[in-house]
C-alpha atoms as a PDB file:
ATOM      1  CA  MET A   1    -124.269 119.399-150.887  1.00  0.00           C
ATOM      2  CA  LYS A   2    -124.174 119.863-154.655  1.00  0.00           C
ATOM      3  CA  LYS A   3    -126.628 122.423-155.952  1.00  0.00           C
ATOM      4  CA  THR A   4    -128.365 121.328-159.154  1.00  0.00           C
ATOM      5  CA  SER A   5    -129.492 123.886-161.660  1.00  0.00           C
ATOM      6  CA  GLU A   6    -132.843 123.703-163.364  1.00  0.00           C
ATOM      7  CA  ARG A   7    -132.979 121.699-166.596  1.00  0.00           C
ATOM      8  CA  LYS A   8    -133.523 123.945-169.627  1.00  0.00           C
ATOM      9  CA  SER A   9    -136.039 122.548-172.114  1.00  0.00           C
ATOM     10  CA  TYR A  10    -135.413 123.630-175.713  1.00  0.00           C
ATOM     11  CA  HIS A  11    -138.011 122.943-178.413  1.00  0.00           C
ATOM     12  CA  LEU A  12    -137.299 122.999-182.148  1.00  0.00           C
ATOM     13  CA  VAL A  13    -140.585 123.776-183.908  1.00  0.00           C
ATOM     14  CA  PRO A  14    -141.509 124.664-187.492  1.00  0.00           C
ATOM     15  CA  ALA A  15    -141.812 128.362-188.302  1.00  0.00           C
ATOM     16  CA  LYS A  16    -145.054 129.272-190.038  1.00  0.00           C
ATOM     17  CA  GLY A  17    -144.622 130.985-193.384  1.00  0.00           C
ATOM     18  CA  THR A  18    -146.798 133.611-194.980  1.00  0.00           C
ATOM     19  CA  ASP A  19    -146.362 132.349-198.539  1.00  0.00           C
ATOM     20  CA  ARG A  20    -149.468 130.165-198.987  1.00  0.00           C
ATOM     21  CA  GLY A  21    -148.920 128.510-195.610  1.00  0.00           C
ATOM     22  CA  LYS A  22    -145.566 127.007-196.570  1.00  0.00           C
ATOM     23  CA  GLN A  23    -143.167 126.127-193.780  1.00  0.00           C
ATOM     24  CA  ARG A  24    -140.316 128.648-193.578  1.00  0.00           C
ATOM     25  CA  GLY A  25    -137.439 127.430-191.422  1.00  0.00           C
ATOM     26  CA  TRP A  26    -137.399 126.489-187.741  1.00  0.00           C
ATOM     27  CA  LEU A  27    -137.721 128.191-184.366  1.00  0.00           C
ATOM     28  CA  LEU A  28    -135.630 127.223-181.358  1.00  0.00           C
ATOM     29  CA  LYS A  29    -137.648 127.999-178.226  1.00  0.00           C
ATOM     30  CA  LEU A  30    -136.802 128.034-174.524  1.00  0.00           C
ATOM     31  CA  ARG A  31    -139.650 128.385-171.994  1.00  0.00           C
ATOM     32  CA  GLY A  32    -142.045 129.339-174.798  1.00  0.00           C
ATOM     33  CA  ARG A  33    -139.892 132.193-176.077  1.00  0.00           C
ATOM     34  CA  VAL A  34    -138.043 132.204-179.372  1.00  0.00           C
ATOM     35  CA  VAL A  35    -134.290 131.950-178.830  1.00  0.00           C
ATOM     36  CA  ARG A  36    -133.332 131.777-182.490  1.00  0.00           C
ATOM     37  CA  TYR A  37    -134.988 131.713-185.922  1.00  0.00           C
ATOM     38  CA  LEU A  38    -133.217 129.233-188.189  1.00  0.00           C
ATOM     39  CA  PRO A  39    -134.013 129.759-191.904  1.00  0.00           C
ATOM     40  CA  ILE A  40    -132.280 126.500-192.836  1.00  0.00           C
ATOM     41  CA  LYS A  41    -133.094 122.850-193.516  1.00  0.00           C
ATOM     42  CA  LYS A  42    -134.300 120.718-190.617  1.00  0.00           C
ATOM     43  CA  ARG A  43    -131.142 118.584-190.492  1.00  0.00           C
ATOM     44  CA  GLU A  44    -128.999 121.697-190.030  1.00  0.00           C
ATOM     45  CA  ALA A  45    -131.442 123.191-187.508  1.00  0.00           C
ATOM     46  CA  VAL A  46    -131.318 119.989-185.409  1.00  0.00           C
ATOM     47  CA  ALA A  47    -127.503 120.035-185.442  1.00  0.00           C
ATOM     48  CA  PHE A  48    -127.470 123.683-184.302  1.00  0.00           C
ATOM     49  CA  ALA A  49    -130.068 123.028-181.580  1.00  0.00           C
ATOM     50  CA  ARG A  50    -128.118 120.021-180.259  1.00  0.00           C
ATOM     51  CA  VAL A  51    -124.936 122.103-179.929  1.00  0.00           C
ATOM     52  CA  MET A  52    -126.916 124.811-178.136  1.00  0.00           C
ATOM     53  CA  ALA A  53    -128.479 122.313-175.705  1.00  0.00           C
ATOM     54  CA  MET A  54    -125.154 120.566-175.039  1.00  0.00           C
ATOM     55  CA  ALA A  55    -123.506 123.895-174.252  1.00  0.00           C
ATOM     56  CA  ASN A  56    -126.180 124.742-171.669  1.00  0.00           C
ATOM     57  CA  ARG A  57    -126.345 121.560-169.563  1.00  0.00           C
ATOM     58  CA  PRO A  58    -128.421 120.280-167.860  1.00  0.00           C
ATOM     59  CA  SER A  59    -130.847 120.566-170.737  1.00  0.00           C
ATOM     60  CA  GLN A  60    -133.371 118.766-172.876  1.00  0.00           C
ATOM     61  CA  LEU A  61    -133.983 119.132-176.604  1.00  0.00           C
ATOM     62  CA  VAL A  62    -137.375 118.233-178.056  1.00  0.00           C
ATOM     63  CA  ILE A  63    -137.693 118.046-181.849  1.00  0.00           C
ATOM     64  CA  HIS A  64    -141.149 118.581-183.353  1.00  0.00           C
ATOM     65  CA  SER A  65    -142.253 117.490-186.819  1.00  0.00           C
ATOM     66  CA  ILE A  66    -143.949 119.739-189.369  1.00  0.00           C
ATOM     67  CA  ASN A  67    -147.370 118.819-187.930  1.00  0.00           C
ATOM     68  CA  GLY A  68    -146.261 119.719-184.381  1.00  0.00           C
ATOM     69  CA  ARG A  69    -145.916 116.213-182.950  1.00  0.00           C
ATOM     70  CA  ILE A  70    -142.859 115.282-180.905  1.00  0.00           C
ATOM     71  CA  GLU A  71    -140.461 113.439-183.171  1.00  0.00           C
ATOM     72  CA  ASN A  72    -137.367 113.002-180.985  1.00  0.00           C
ATOM     73  CA  GLU A  73    -135.908 114.046-177.651  1.00  0.00           C
ATOM     74  CA  TRP A  74    -132.436 114.219-176.099  1.00  0.00           C
ATOM     75  CA  THR A  75    -131.269 115.095-172.603  1.00  0.00           C
ATOM     76  CA  TYR A  76    -127.815 116.372-171.719  1.00  0.00           C
ATOM     77  CA  GLY A  77    -126.217 116.140-168.282  1.00  0.00           C
ATOM     78  CA  ASP A  78    -127.585 114.833-164.982  1.00  0.00           C
ATOM     79  CA  ASP A  79    -130.306 112.543-166.304  1.00  0.00           C
ATOM     80  CA  PRO A  80    -132.809 111.560-163.615  1.00  0.00           C
ATOM     81  CA  SER A  81    -132.485 108.037-162.211  1.00  0.00           C
ATOM     82  CA  ARG A  82    -134.512 105.366-163.946  1.00  0.00           C
ATOM     83  CA  TYR A  83    -136.845 103.312-161.817  1.00  0.00           C
ATOM     84  CA  ARG A  84    -138.422  99.962-162.519  1.00  0.00           C
ATOM     85  CA  GLY A  85    -142.105 100.318-162.906  1.00  0.00           C
END
């Protein structure tokens, strides 16, 4: 019997700045803890986060917008079966 490992859920969220509330980079989180601070543009942060999630399959990557809403999501490896419903 094949043992499946637990899916890791990464979240890319905006980092809060101290300079008049301006957004300062992005945080890559895993299980609520910061894995990496990315002081770069969002496009570059998403590319980095996707590589990180792909390298640690099975995983999920959830991208949040500046206001905290979920903007996009990807899963890598062993996706659950889809059921009609």
